[in-house]
N, C-alpha and C. Protein backbone atom coordinates (compact mmCIF):
# COMPACT_ATOMS: atom_id res chain seq x y z
N MET A 1 -127.62 26.65 122.79
CA MET A 1 -128.63 26.78 123.82
C MET A 1 -128.23 27.84 124.85
N GLY A 2 -126.94 27.86 125.19
CA GLY A 2 -126.49 28.85 126.15
C GLY A 2 -126.70 30.26 125.67
N ASN A 3 -126.42 30.51 124.40
CA ASN A 3 -126.60 31.84 123.83
C ASN A 3 -128.08 32.21 123.76
N LEU A 4 -128.93 31.24 123.49
CA LEU A 4 -130.36 31.51 123.40
C LEU A 4 -130.96 31.84 124.77
N LEU A 5 -130.51 31.12 125.79
CA LEU A 5 -131.06 31.33 127.13
C LEU A 5 -130.44 32.54 127.82
N GLY A 6 -129.18 32.85 127.46
CA GLY A 6 -128.51 33.98 128.09
C GLY A 6 -128.06 33.64 129.50
N HIS A 7 -127.48 34.65 130.16
CA HIS A 7 -126.97 34.48 131.52
C HIS A 7 -128.04 34.88 132.51
N PRO A 8 -128.31 34.11 133.59
CA PRO A 8 -127.51 32.96 134.04
C PRO A 8 -128.05 31.61 133.60
N LYS A 9 -129.24 31.55 132.97
CA LYS A 9 -129.86 30.27 132.69
C LYS A 9 -129.06 29.43 131.70
N GLY A 10 -128.30 30.09 130.85
CA GLY A 10 -127.53 29.34 129.86
C GLY A 10 -126.20 28.84 130.38
N GLY A 11 -125.92 29.08 131.67
CA GLY A 11 -124.63 28.71 132.22
C GLY A 11 -124.31 27.24 132.12
N TYR A 12 -125.33 26.39 132.32
CA TYR A 12 -125.11 24.94 132.27
C TYR A 12 -124.57 24.53 130.91
N PHE A 13 -125.15 25.07 129.84
CA PHE A 13 -124.75 24.67 128.49
C PHE A 13 -123.38 25.23 128.14
N TRP A 14 -123.06 26.45 128.61
CA TRP A 14 -121.73 27.01 128.37
C TRP A 14 -120.67 26.16 129.05
N GLU A 15 -120.95 25.74 130.29
CA GLU A 15 -119.96 24.94 131.02
C GLU A 15 -119.76 23.59 130.35
N ARG A 16 -120.83 22.98 129.84
CA ARG A 16 -120.69 21.71 129.15
C ARG A 16 -119.85 21.85 127.89
N ALA A 17 -119.84 23.05 127.32
CA ALA A 17 -119.04 23.31 126.12
C ALA A 17 -117.60 23.70 126.47
N GLY A 18 -117.29 23.74 127.76
CA GLY A 18 -115.92 24.04 128.17
C GLY A 18 -115.65 25.51 128.43
N VAL A 19 -116.71 26.33 128.50
CA VAL A 19 -116.54 27.76 128.76
C VAL A 19 -116.50 27.99 130.26
N ASP A 20 -115.49 28.72 130.73
CA ASP A 20 -115.36 29.04 132.15
C ASP A 20 -116.26 30.23 132.47
N ARG A 21 -117.40 29.94 133.06
CA ARG A 21 -118.40 30.99 133.31
C ARG A 21 -117.99 31.94 134.42
N SER A 22 -117.02 31.55 135.25
CA SER A 22 -116.61 32.43 136.35
C SER A 22 -115.93 33.69 135.86
N ASN A 23 -115.49 33.71 134.60
CA ASN A 23 -114.83 34.90 134.07
C ASN A 23 -115.81 35.93 133.52
N PHE A 24 -117.11 35.59 133.50
CA PHE A 24 -118.09 36.55 133.00
C PHE A 24 -118.12 37.75 133.95
N PRO A 25 -118.20 38.96 133.42
CA PRO A 25 -118.08 40.15 134.26
C PRO A 25 -119.19 40.31 135.28
N ASP A 26 -120.36 39.69 135.07
CA ASP A 26 -121.47 39.90 136.00
C ASP A 26 -121.70 38.72 136.92
N THR A 27 -120.76 37.80 137.03
CA THR A 27 -120.94 36.67 137.92
C THR A 27 -120.60 37.07 139.34
N LYS A 28 -121.12 36.28 140.29
CA LYS A 28 -120.86 36.56 141.70
C LYS A 28 -119.38 36.49 142.01
N LEU A 29 -118.67 35.60 141.33
CA LEU A 29 -117.25 35.44 141.64
C LEU A 29 -116.50 36.73 141.40
N GLN A 30 -116.82 37.42 140.32
CA GLN A 30 -116.12 38.65 140.01
C GLN A 30 -116.59 39.81 140.89
N SER A 31 -117.87 39.82 141.28
CA SER A 31 -118.41 40.98 141.96
C SER A 31 -118.36 40.89 143.48
N THR A 32 -118.47 39.67 144.04
CA THR A 32 -118.56 39.58 145.48
C THR A 32 -117.59 38.61 146.12
N LEU A 33 -117.01 37.69 145.35
CA LEU A 33 -116.19 36.66 145.95
C LEU A 33 -114.70 36.95 145.86
N SER A 34 -114.33 38.04 145.27
CA SER A 34 -112.91 38.35 145.15
C SER A 34 -112.37 38.77 146.51
N SER A 35 -111.08 38.49 146.73
CA SER A 35 -110.46 38.89 147.99
C SER A 35 -110.26 40.39 148.01
N LEU A 36 -110.10 40.92 149.20
CA LEU A 36 -110.00 42.36 149.38
C LEU A 36 -108.75 42.70 150.18
N ARG A 37 -108.06 43.73 149.74
CA ARG A 37 -106.94 44.26 150.52
C ARG A 37 -107.50 45.27 151.52
N VAL A 38 -107.19 45.08 152.77
CA VAL A 38 -107.75 45.93 153.81
C VAL A 38 -106.65 46.37 154.76
N ASN A 39 -106.94 47.43 155.49
CA ASN A 39 -106.05 47.87 156.55
C ASN A 39 -106.56 47.29 157.86
N LEU A 40 -105.65 46.85 158.71
CA LEU A 40 -106.05 46.22 159.95
C LEU A 40 -106.80 47.16 160.88
N ARG A 41 -106.72 48.46 160.64
CA ARG A 41 -107.48 49.41 161.44
C ARG A 41 -108.98 49.21 161.26
N ASP A 42 -109.38 48.61 160.16
CA ASP A 42 -110.80 48.43 159.86
C ASP A 42 -111.40 47.24 160.61
N PHE A 43 -110.59 46.49 161.35
CA PHE A 43 -111.08 45.28 162.00
C PHE A 43 -110.90 45.36 163.50
N THR A 44 -111.79 44.71 164.21
CA THR A 44 -111.63 44.53 165.63
C THR A 44 -110.84 43.25 165.85
N LEU A 45 -109.63 43.36 166.36
CA LEU A 45 -108.76 42.21 166.55
C LEU A 45 -108.86 41.71 167.97
N VAL A 46 -108.96 40.41 168.10
CA VAL A 46 -109.04 39.78 169.41
C VAL A 46 -107.74 39.04 169.64
N SER A 47 -107.09 39.32 170.74
CA SER A 47 -105.81 38.69 171.04
C SER A 47 -105.73 38.34 172.51
N GLY A 48 -105.18 37.16 172.80
CA GLY A 48 -104.99 36.76 174.18
C GLY A 48 -103.72 37.32 174.76
N MET A 49 -102.94 38.01 173.95
CA MET A 49 -101.69 38.63 174.40
C MET A 49 -101.77 40.13 174.12
N LYS A 50 -100.82 40.86 174.63
CA LYS A 50 -100.84 42.31 174.48
C LYS A 50 -100.22 42.71 173.14
N LEU A 51 -100.90 42.26 172.06
CA LEU A 51 -100.38 42.54 170.73
C LEU A 51 -101.32 43.40 169.90
N THR A 52 -102.59 43.39 170.26
CA THR A 52 -103.59 44.01 169.41
C THR A 52 -103.31 45.48 169.15
N ARG A 53 -103.03 46.24 170.18
CA ARG A 53 -102.83 47.68 170.02
C ARG A 53 -101.67 47.97 169.07
N GLY A 54 -100.57 47.26 169.24
CA GLY A 54 -99.41 47.49 168.40
C GLY A 54 -99.68 47.17 166.95
N ILE A 55 -100.47 46.14 166.72
CA ILE A 55 -100.79 45.77 165.33
C ILE A 55 -101.67 46.82 164.68
N VAL A 56 -102.70 47.25 165.41
CA VAL A 56 -103.65 48.20 164.84
C VAL A 56 -102.98 49.54 164.57
N GLU A 57 -102.05 49.94 165.44
CA GLU A 57 -101.41 51.23 165.27
C GLU A 57 -100.35 51.21 164.16
N SER A 58 -99.98 50.03 163.72
CA SER A 58 -99.01 49.95 162.63
C SER A 58 -99.71 50.17 161.29
N LYS A 59 -98.93 50.21 160.23
CA LYS A 59 -99.48 50.40 158.90
C LYS A 59 -99.62 49.06 158.17
N SER A 60 -99.70 47.99 158.93
CA SER A 60 -99.78 46.67 158.33
C SER A 60 -101.06 46.53 157.51
N ASN A 61 -100.94 45.82 156.41
CA ASN A 61 -102.08 45.52 155.58
C ASN A 61 -102.32 44.02 155.57
N ALA A 62 -103.55 43.66 155.34
CA ALA A 62 -103.90 42.25 155.26
C ALA A 62 -104.85 42.05 154.09
N VAL A 63 -105.08 40.81 153.77
CA VAL A 63 -106.00 40.45 152.70
C VAL A 63 -107.10 39.58 153.29
N VAL A 64 -108.34 39.92 152.99
CA VAL A 64 -109.48 39.12 153.43
C VAL A 64 -109.88 38.21 152.27
N LEU A 65 -109.79 36.91 152.50
CA LEU A 65 -110.05 35.93 151.45
C LEU A 65 -111.38 35.23 151.70
N PRO A 66 -112.19 35.06 150.67
CA PRO A 66 -113.45 34.33 150.84
C PRO A 66 -113.21 32.83 150.88
N LEU A 67 -113.81 32.16 151.86
CA LEU A 67 -113.82 30.70 151.91
C LEU A 67 -115.11 30.24 151.25
N LEU A 68 -114.98 29.61 150.09
CA LEU A 68 -116.15 29.24 149.30
C LEU A 68 -116.67 27.85 149.68
N ASN A 69 -117.92 27.61 149.34
CA ASN A 69 -118.51 26.29 149.59
C ASN A 69 -118.11 25.32 148.49
N ILE A 70 -116.79 25.26 148.26
CA ILE A 70 -116.21 24.40 147.24
C ILE A 70 -115.31 23.38 147.92
N VAL A 71 -115.40 22.15 147.48
CA VAL A 71 -114.57 21.08 148.01
C VAL A 71 -113.65 20.58 146.90
N ALA A 72 -112.36 20.62 147.17
CA ALA A 72 -111.38 20.05 146.24
C ALA A 72 -111.10 18.63 146.69
N TYR A 73 -111.17 17.69 145.78
CA TYR A 73 -111.04 16.31 146.20
C TYR A 73 -109.59 15.84 146.22
N GLY A 74 -109.28 15.15 147.30
CA GLY A 74 -107.99 14.51 147.45
C GLY A 74 -108.21 13.02 147.67
N ASP A 75 -109.23 12.49 147.01
CA ASP A 75 -109.61 11.11 147.18
C ASP A 75 -109.81 10.48 145.80
N ARG A 76 -109.98 9.16 145.79
CA ARG A 76 -110.18 8.47 144.51
C ARG A 76 -111.56 8.75 143.93
N VAL A 77 -112.49 9.06 144.80
CA VAL A 77 -113.85 9.36 144.36
C VAL A 77 -114.14 10.82 144.68
N PRO A 78 -114.43 11.66 143.70
CA PRO A 78 -114.69 13.07 143.97
C PRO A 78 -115.90 13.25 144.87
N PRO A 79 -115.83 14.19 145.80
CA PRO A 79 -117.00 14.47 146.64
C PRO A 79 -118.08 15.16 145.82
N GLY A 80 -119.29 14.97 146.19
CA GLY A 80 -120.38 15.61 145.47
C GLY A 80 -121.30 16.32 146.45
N PRO A 81 -122.23 17.12 145.96
CA PRO A 81 -122.36 17.51 144.54
C PRO A 81 -121.33 18.56 144.15
N HIS A 82 -121.03 18.61 142.86
CA HIS A 82 -120.04 19.54 142.35
C HIS A 82 -120.61 20.95 142.27
N VAL A 83 -119.90 21.91 142.84
CA VAL A 83 -120.28 23.33 142.77
C VAL A 83 -119.23 24.04 141.94
N THR A 84 -119.65 24.72 140.89
CA THR A 84 -118.71 25.45 140.04
C THR A 84 -118.35 26.78 140.69
N LEU A 85 -117.29 27.41 140.18
CA LEU A 85 -116.90 28.71 140.71
C LEU A 85 -118.01 29.74 140.53
N ALA A 86 -118.72 29.66 139.41
CA ALA A 86 -119.78 30.62 139.16
C ALA A 86 -120.95 30.44 140.12
N GLN A 87 -121.12 29.24 140.66
CA GLN A 87 -122.21 28.95 141.59
C GLN A 87 -121.79 29.13 143.05
N ALA A 88 -120.52 29.35 143.29
CA ALA A 88 -119.99 29.31 144.65
C ALA A 88 -120.55 30.42 145.52
N GLU A 89 -120.67 30.10 146.80
CA GLU A 89 -121.10 31.06 147.80
C GLU A 89 -120.05 31.14 148.90
N VAL A 90 -120.05 32.26 149.60
CA VAL A 90 -119.07 32.48 150.66
C VAL A 90 -119.58 31.85 151.96
N LEU A 91 -118.77 30.94 152.52
CA LEU A 91 -119.09 30.34 153.82
C LEU A 91 -118.50 31.15 154.97
N ASP A 92 -117.32 31.68 154.75
CA ASP A 92 -116.60 32.39 155.80
C ASP A 92 -115.49 33.21 155.14
N VAL A 93 -114.71 33.90 155.93
CA VAL A 93 -113.57 34.66 155.40
C VAL A 93 -112.34 34.35 156.24
N LEU A 94 -111.18 34.45 155.60
CA LEU A 94 -109.90 34.29 156.28
C LEU A 94 -109.09 35.54 156.05
N MET A 95 -108.30 35.91 157.04
CA MET A 95 -107.40 37.05 156.90
C MET A 95 -105.97 36.55 156.80
N ALA A 96 -105.24 37.09 155.85
CA ALA A 96 -103.85 36.67 155.64
C ALA A 96 -102.98 37.89 155.43
N PRO A 97 -101.69 37.78 155.73
CA PRO A 97 -100.78 38.90 155.45
C PRO A 97 -100.71 39.20 153.96
N LEU A 98 -100.58 40.45 153.64
CA LEU A 98 -100.50 40.84 152.25
C LEU A 98 -99.31 40.18 151.55
N SER A 99 -98.24 39.95 152.29
CA SER A 99 -97.04 39.34 151.70
C SER A 99 -97.27 37.90 151.28
N TRP A 100 -98.35 37.28 151.76
CA TRP A 100 -98.66 35.91 151.39
C TRP A 100 -99.44 35.83 150.08
N CYS A 101 -99.83 36.96 149.54
CA CYS A 101 -100.76 36.97 148.40
C CYS A 101 -100.16 37.78 147.25
N ALA A 102 -99.61 37.08 146.26
CA ALA A 102 -99.00 37.77 145.12
C ALA A 102 -100.03 38.55 144.33
N HIS A 103 -101.24 38.04 144.20
CA HIS A 103 -102.33 38.73 143.51
C HIS A 103 -103.51 38.82 144.48
N PRO A 104 -103.47 39.75 145.42
CA PRO A 104 -104.46 39.78 146.50
C PRO A 104 -105.90 39.88 146.03
N GLU A 105 -106.14 40.51 144.89
CA GLU A 105 -107.51 40.65 144.42
C GLU A 105 -108.02 39.40 143.72
N LYS A 106 -107.16 38.40 143.58
CA LYS A 106 -107.55 37.19 142.84
C LYS A 106 -107.37 35.92 143.67
N MET A 107 -107.45 36.07 144.99
CA MET A 107 -107.28 34.93 145.89
C MET A 107 -108.64 34.42 146.37
N LEU A 108 -108.74 33.12 146.56
CA LEU A 108 -109.92 32.52 147.16
C LEU A 108 -109.49 31.27 147.91
N CYS A 109 -110.38 30.78 148.76
CA CYS A 109 -110.07 29.60 149.55
C CYS A 109 -111.12 28.52 149.35
N MET A 110 -110.69 27.26 149.49
CA MET A 110 -111.59 26.11 149.41
C MET A 110 -111.05 25.03 150.33
N GLN A 111 -111.88 24.04 150.63
CA GLN A 111 -111.46 22.96 151.51
C GLN A 111 -110.97 21.76 150.70
N LEU A 112 -109.96 21.09 151.24
CA LEU A 112 -109.45 19.87 150.65
C LEU A 112 -109.97 18.68 151.44
N VAL A 113 -110.58 17.73 150.76
CA VAL A 113 -111.09 16.52 151.40
C VAL A 113 -110.35 15.32 150.84
N GLY A 114 -109.93 14.42 151.71
CA GLY A 114 -109.20 13.24 151.27
C GLY A 114 -107.71 13.34 151.58
N ASP A 115 -106.99 12.23 151.39
CA ASP A 115 -105.59 12.17 151.81
C ASP A 115 -104.61 12.07 150.64
N SER A 116 -105.01 12.45 149.45
CA SER A 116 -104.10 12.31 148.30
C SER A 116 -102.91 13.26 148.38
N MET A 117 -103.02 14.33 149.18
CA MET A 117 -101.91 15.27 149.31
C MET A 117 -101.16 15.10 150.63
N SER A 118 -101.49 14.05 151.37
CA SER A 118 -100.76 13.76 152.61
C SER A 118 -99.40 13.14 152.27
N PRO A 119 -98.36 13.42 153.05
CA PRO A 119 -98.38 14.22 154.28
C PRO A 119 -98.16 15.71 154.07
N LEU A 120 -98.04 16.13 152.81
CA LEU A 120 -97.76 17.54 152.55
C LEU A 120 -98.90 18.43 153.01
N ILE A 121 -100.12 18.13 152.56
CA ILE A 121 -101.31 18.89 152.97
C ILE A 121 -102.27 17.93 153.66
N PRO A 122 -102.53 18.11 154.94
CA PRO A 122 -103.41 17.18 155.65
C PRO A 122 -104.85 17.26 155.13
N PRO A 123 -105.60 16.16 155.27
CA PRO A 123 -107.02 16.20 154.91
C PRO A 123 -107.76 17.28 155.69
N ASN A 124 -108.79 17.83 155.06
CA ASN A 124 -109.65 18.87 155.66
C ASN A 124 -108.93 20.19 155.86
N SER A 125 -107.79 20.38 155.22
CA SER A 125 -107.13 21.68 155.25
C SER A 125 -107.90 22.68 154.39
N VAL A 126 -107.68 23.96 154.66
CA VAL A 126 -108.19 25.03 153.80
C VAL A 126 -107.04 25.51 152.95
N ILE A 127 -107.20 25.47 151.64
CA ILE A 127 -106.13 25.89 150.74
C ILE A 127 -106.48 27.25 150.13
N ALA A 128 -105.48 28.09 150.04
CA ALA A 128 -105.62 29.40 149.41
C ALA A 128 -105.12 29.29 147.98
N VAL A 129 -105.95 29.71 147.05
CA VAL A 129 -105.65 29.55 145.63
C VAL A 129 -105.50 30.92 144.97
N ASP A 130 -104.40 31.10 144.27
CA ASP A 130 -104.14 32.34 143.53
C ASP A 130 -104.61 32.12 142.10
N THR A 131 -105.78 32.65 141.78
CA THR A 131 -106.34 32.46 140.44
C THR A 131 -105.66 33.36 139.41
N GLY A 132 -104.78 34.24 139.88
CA GLY A 132 -104.01 35.07 138.95
C GLY A 132 -102.90 34.29 138.28
N LEU A 133 -102.57 33.11 138.80
CA LEU A 133 -101.57 32.23 138.20
C LEU A 133 -102.31 31.04 137.58
N ASN A 134 -102.63 31.13 136.32
CA ASN A 134 -103.41 30.08 135.67
C ASN A 134 -102.84 29.65 134.33
N ASP A 135 -101.58 29.97 134.08
CA ASP A 135 -100.92 29.52 132.86
C ASP A 135 -100.20 28.21 133.14
N ARG A 136 -100.46 27.20 132.33
CA ARG A 136 -99.87 25.88 132.58
C ARG A 136 -98.35 25.91 132.58
N ALA A 137 -97.77 26.71 131.71
CA ALA A 137 -96.30 26.78 131.67
C ALA A 137 -95.74 27.33 132.97
N GLN A 138 -96.43 28.30 133.58
CA GLN A 138 -95.99 28.86 134.86
C GLN A 138 -96.16 27.88 136.00
N LEU A 139 -97.12 26.98 135.88
CA LEU A 139 -97.46 26.07 136.97
C LEU A 139 -96.72 24.75 136.92
N ASP A 140 -95.86 24.55 135.94
CA ASP A 140 -95.14 23.29 135.83
C ASP A 140 -94.35 23.01 137.11
N LYS A 141 -94.58 21.81 137.68
CA LYS A 141 -93.94 21.35 138.91
C LYS A 141 -94.40 22.10 140.15
N LYS A 142 -95.51 22.80 140.04
CA LYS A 142 -96.06 23.53 141.19
C LYS A 142 -97.40 22.93 141.59
N LEU A 143 -97.78 23.17 142.84
CA LEU A 143 -99.09 22.74 143.30
C LEU A 143 -100.16 23.61 142.66
N ALA A 144 -101.20 22.97 142.16
CA ALA A 144 -102.23 23.71 141.44
C ALA A 144 -103.59 23.07 141.65
N VAL A 145 -104.62 23.85 141.37
CA VAL A 145 -106.00 23.36 141.41
C VAL A 145 -106.54 23.38 139.99
N PHE A 146 -107.08 22.24 139.57
CA PHE A 146 -107.72 22.12 138.27
C PHE A 146 -109.20 21.83 138.48
N SER A 147 -110.01 22.23 137.52
CA SER A 147 -111.45 21.99 137.59
C SER A 147 -111.91 21.18 136.39
N HIS A 148 -112.66 20.13 136.67
CA HIS A 148 -113.26 19.30 135.63
C HIS A 148 -114.76 19.53 135.63
N ARG A 149 -115.36 19.59 134.48
CA ARG A 149 -116.78 19.96 134.39
C ARG A 149 -117.70 18.95 135.07
N ASP A 150 -117.24 17.70 135.22
CA ASP A 150 -118.04 16.68 135.89
C ASP A 150 -117.44 16.25 137.22
N LEU A 151 -116.11 16.18 137.32
CA LEU A 151 -115.45 15.65 138.50
C LEU A 151 -115.20 16.70 139.58
N GLY A 152 -115.27 17.96 139.23
CA GLY A 152 -115.03 19.00 140.22
C GLY A 152 -113.58 19.43 140.29
N PHE A 153 -113.12 19.77 141.49
CA PHE A 153 -111.80 20.37 141.68
C PHE A 153 -110.80 19.35 142.19
N LYS A 154 -109.61 19.36 141.61
CA LYS A 154 -108.55 18.43 141.97
C LYS A 154 -107.30 19.22 142.31
N VAL A 155 -106.66 18.85 143.44
CA VAL A 155 -105.43 19.50 143.89
C VAL A 155 -104.28 18.51 143.76
N ALA A 156 -103.19 18.92 143.13
CA ALA A 156 -102.00 18.07 143.01
C ALA A 156 -100.89 18.92 142.39
N ARG A 157 -99.75 18.28 142.17
CA ARG A 157 -98.62 18.98 141.55
C ARG A 157 -98.63 18.72 140.05
N LEU A 158 -98.60 19.79 139.26
CA LEU A 158 -98.63 19.66 137.81
C LEU A 158 -97.27 19.25 137.28
N GLN A 159 -97.27 18.23 136.44
CA GLN A 159 -96.06 17.79 135.76
C GLN A 159 -96.31 17.83 134.25
N ARG A 160 -95.59 18.69 133.56
CA ARG A 160 -95.76 18.83 132.12
C ARG A 160 -94.77 17.93 131.39
N LEU A 161 -95.30 17.02 130.59
CA LEU A 161 -94.50 16.10 129.81
C LEU A 161 -94.56 16.51 128.34
N PRO A 162 -93.70 15.97 127.49
CA PRO A 162 -93.72 16.37 126.07
C PRO A 162 -95.08 16.20 125.40
N ALA A 163 -95.84 15.17 125.78
CA ALA A 163 -97.10 14.91 125.09
C ALA A 163 -98.32 15.02 126.00
N SER A 164 -98.14 15.33 127.28
CA SER A 164 -99.29 15.35 128.18
C SER A 164 -98.99 16.18 129.42
N ASP A 165 -100.07 16.55 130.11
CA ASP A 165 -100.00 17.20 131.41
C ASP A 165 -100.65 16.28 132.42
N ILE A 166 -99.97 16.02 133.55
CA ILE A 166 -100.53 15.15 134.56
C ILE A 166 -100.44 15.81 135.93
N LEU A 167 -101.37 15.43 136.81
CA LEU A 167 -101.36 15.87 138.19
C LEU A 167 -100.85 14.73 139.05
N ILE A 168 -99.83 15.01 139.87
CA ILE A 168 -99.22 13.99 140.70
C ILE A 168 -99.50 14.31 142.16
N SER A 169 -100.09 13.36 142.86
CA SER A 169 -100.43 13.54 144.27
C SER A 169 -99.20 13.34 145.13
N ALA A 170 -99.20 13.97 146.30
CA ALA A 170 -98.11 13.78 147.26
C ALA A 170 -98.14 12.36 147.84
N ASN A 171 -99.35 11.83 147.97
CA ASN A 171 -99.53 10.45 148.42
C ASN A 171 -99.40 9.55 147.20
N HIS A 172 -98.29 8.83 147.10
CA HIS A 172 -97.99 8.11 145.87
C HIS A 172 -98.77 6.82 145.70
N THR A 173 -99.69 6.54 146.61
CA THR A 173 -100.61 5.42 146.38
C THR A 173 -101.70 5.81 145.39
N TYR A 174 -101.77 7.09 145.05
CA TYR A 174 -102.73 7.59 144.07
C TYR A 174 -102.08 7.68 142.71
N LEU A 175 -102.77 7.22 141.70
CA LEU A 175 -102.26 7.28 140.34
C LEU A 175 -102.33 8.72 139.81
N PRO A 176 -101.42 9.09 138.91
CA PRO A 176 -101.49 10.42 138.29
C PRO A 176 -102.80 10.61 137.53
N VAL A 177 -103.22 11.86 137.43
CA VAL A 177 -104.44 12.21 136.71
C VAL A 177 -104.06 12.97 135.44
N ASP A 178 -104.53 12.51 134.31
CA ASP A 178 -104.23 13.15 133.03
C ASP A 178 -105.16 14.35 132.84
N VAL A 179 -104.57 15.55 132.76
CA VAL A 179 -105.37 16.78 132.59
C VAL A 179 -105.02 17.47 131.27
N THR A 180 -104.57 16.68 130.31
CA THR A 180 -104.13 17.25 129.03
C THR A 180 -105.27 17.93 128.28
N ASP A 181 -106.46 17.34 128.33
CA ASP A 181 -107.61 17.86 127.57
C ASP A 181 -108.08 19.18 128.19
N GLN A 182 -107.73 20.28 127.57
CA GLN A 182 -108.05 21.59 128.13
C GLN A 182 -109.50 21.97 127.96
N SER A 183 -110.25 21.21 127.15
CA SER A 183 -111.69 21.47 127.05
C SER A 183 -112.43 20.90 128.26
N LYS A 184 -111.80 19.95 128.96
CA LYS A 184 -112.42 19.35 130.13
C LYS A 184 -111.76 19.81 131.43
N TRP A 185 -110.44 19.97 131.41
CA TRP A 185 -109.71 20.35 132.60
C TRP A 185 -109.24 21.80 132.49
N LYS A 186 -109.77 22.64 133.35
CA LYS A 186 -109.42 24.07 133.38
C LYS A 186 -108.54 24.37 134.58
N VAL A 187 -107.56 25.22 134.39
CA VAL A 187 -106.72 25.66 135.51
C VAL A 187 -107.49 26.68 136.34
N VAL A 188 -107.59 26.41 137.64
CA VAL A 188 -108.19 27.39 138.55
C VAL A 188 -107.12 28.34 139.06
N GLY A 189 -105.97 27.78 139.48
CA GLY A 189 -104.90 28.63 139.96
C GLY A 189 -103.86 27.84 140.72
N ALA A 190 -102.90 28.55 141.25
CA ALA A 190 -101.81 27.94 142.02
C ALA A 190 -102.17 27.91 143.49
N VAL A 191 -101.76 26.84 144.16
CA VAL A 191 -101.94 26.77 145.61
C VAL A 191 -100.86 27.64 146.26
N ALA A 192 -101.28 28.72 146.88
CA ALA A 192 -100.33 29.66 147.48
C ALA A 192 -99.87 29.20 148.86
N TRP A 193 -100.81 28.72 149.66
CA TRP A 193 -100.53 28.23 151.01
C TRP A 193 -101.77 27.53 151.53
N TRP A 194 -101.66 26.94 152.70
CA TRP A 194 -102.81 26.26 153.28
C TRP A 194 -102.75 26.34 154.79
N VAL A 195 -103.89 26.14 155.42
CA VAL A 195 -103.97 26.12 156.88
C VAL A 195 -104.72 24.86 157.29
N SER A 196 -104.31 24.31 158.42
CA SER A 196 -104.97 23.11 158.92
C SER A 196 -104.85 23.10 160.43
N LYS A 197 -105.65 22.27 161.04
CA LYS A 197 -105.58 22.12 162.49
C LYS A 197 -105.48 20.64 162.83
N ASP A 198 -104.92 20.39 164.00
CA ASP A 198 -104.72 19.02 164.44
C ASP A 198 -106.06 18.34 164.61
N ALA A 199 -106.14 17.09 164.20
CA ALA A 199 -107.39 16.35 164.32
C ALA A 199 -107.70 16.11 165.79
N LEU A 200 -109.00 16.10 166.10
CA LEU A 200 -109.42 15.83 167.47
C LEU A 200 -109.08 14.40 167.83
N PRO A 201 -108.64 14.15 169.04
CA PRO A 201 -108.35 12.78 169.44
C PRO A 201 -109.59 11.93 169.43
N HIS A 202 -109.41 10.66 169.17
CA HIS A 202 -110.54 9.74 169.12
C HIS A 202 -111.21 9.68 170.49
N ALA A 203 -112.51 9.57 170.45
CA ALA A 203 -113.26 9.58 171.71
C ALA A 203 -112.80 8.47 172.64
N ALA A 204 -112.40 7.34 172.04
CA ALA A 204 -111.99 6.21 172.87
C ALA A 204 -110.71 6.51 173.64
N GLU A 205 -109.87 7.38 173.07
CA GLU A 205 -108.61 7.71 173.73
C GLU A 205 -108.84 8.56 174.98
N ASN A 206 -109.96 9.30 174.98
CA ASN A 206 -110.25 10.17 176.11
C ASN A 206 -111.07 9.49 177.21
N SER A 207 -111.68 8.38 176.86
CA SER A 207 -112.55 7.71 177.84
C SER A 207 -111.72 6.89 178.81
N LYS A 208 -112.13 6.86 180.04
CA LYS A 208 -111.42 6.10 181.07
C LYS A 208 -111.88 4.66 181.05
N PRO A 209 -110.98 3.71 181.25
CA PRO A 209 -111.40 2.32 181.28
C PRO A 209 -112.28 2.04 182.48
N ALA A 210 -113.23 1.16 182.28
CA ALA A 210 -114.13 0.82 183.38
C ALA A 210 -113.38 0.09 184.48
N SER A 211 -113.68 0.44 185.72
CA SER A 211 -112.99 -0.19 186.84
C SER A 211 -113.55 -1.58 187.09
N GLY A 212 -112.71 -2.51 187.48
CA GLY A 212 -113.16 -3.86 187.74
C GLY A 212 -113.85 -3.96 189.08
N THR A 213 -114.72 -4.95 189.20
CA THR A 213 -115.44 -5.15 190.45
C THR A 213 -115.03 -6.48 191.04
């Protein structure tokens, strides 16, 4: 059916057959969602300290990474609806040092929801994924993102065993996930780094107690 309908209408059937549609040469991921190596001179930098001029005048390079509308689940129940890489859209961009990106043209970002990677990666962090590292042998014992055609994206540490591949969460209250079936579980890439911010204090902590009368 996918071959009969062609691209893009046949994408659903190709994905159900285990074909990674994001590798097609005419998909948005390849043409518009790839990260870009840029010179800092091309950007207007805002700084609260007297650093901007020195940075711009240097020969420093940075990488602009797309933040996609993709959610990687760190919970027992995957968040929905599932958006594939081929369907992904850019929500925002992040700038990172070139030294942080081994394959700068193959980096992308997504959000992590849930606490399965706590305390290593806090919930609601943004993770940077190097899609240039997608060989299971290279990713053994490393943090990685896998994609399931129905469950979506899962972040954990890959552990390769003699007869199976499993994803192990940092939060050990979560059971390992078996990703041995390569027709269902595809490697997206290695987690290169992540960024997070402190959670806002609970509203009750900021409210003053009522005075007695």
